[in-house]
Amino acid sequence: MKTPTRSTVMTTLAIGVVAYFVATAGHEGVGHGGVCLIVGGKALRMSSAWFDCDKQGSSEWAVRAIKAGGTVANLLLGTFFLATMPRAPGRPSNRWYAHWLLAATNLFMGAGYLMTSPFGNHGDWADFIEGLSRPLLWRISLTLTGAVLSAAALRVLLRRLEPHLGAELSERVTAARVLCWVPYGAVGGVLFSIAALTNAEGMQFVLSSALATLGGTFFWHGSPRG
């Protein structure tokens, strides 16, 4: 990859905004919202940090399915974008990078949240475990599942990314910083954190959002540097 220009950074930033928006909308709207409707609930409100479903009359497992729906949606979306990624011999196109970033954001948000939420005992998967027998076993099992899925996603995505990082060490470092850190830091770290702060449901959803967007997607910073 050649030395990034300001235009390259801005393009990466724009693609990052789209990728995080799709992943967040997929998690809250398609995942939680879709399952809410499937089990007979009523969709009430949605933001970038939470989805509000009227679950009155729903069984305990129906409520758990709604909680799990966000993660499942992200994993399915990530798998779809990975499977439909166009071939990119030589220099990658913006379309290729958009598919790669959409796959990375969704896979890491889903698998990473599955790993961090039960471990941190906060968010969707902590709510999923509540009321189950042997909660510690559930917490350990879900955390390990999330870690395995995150590691598998990292391996596959890095294999797709490596040919486009360049041959020289300095070139690879620069490319990795632009392609990975710009969307993670500027979009996931700043833009979506500010969006979460403006939600009307309280600070608990800010932490939940951070677990999903930052706690999960930190995995892609394993991009090769040497």
Foldseek 3Di string as FASTA:
>chain_A
DDQDDPVNLVLLLVLLQVLLVCLQCQLACVFLVVLLVVQPWAWDDDFSQHTDIHQPPGDLVSLLSSLLRSLVSLQVQLVVLVVPQDDAPDARDSSNLSSLSNNLQSQLLNLLLLQQCLVVCAGSVVSSLPPPPPSVVVSVVSNVSSVVSLVVSLVVSLVVCVVNQDDDLVSNVSVLCSSQVSSLCVPLNPVVLVRQVPDPPDDSSSVNSCSRRPSRSVSNSVRDRD
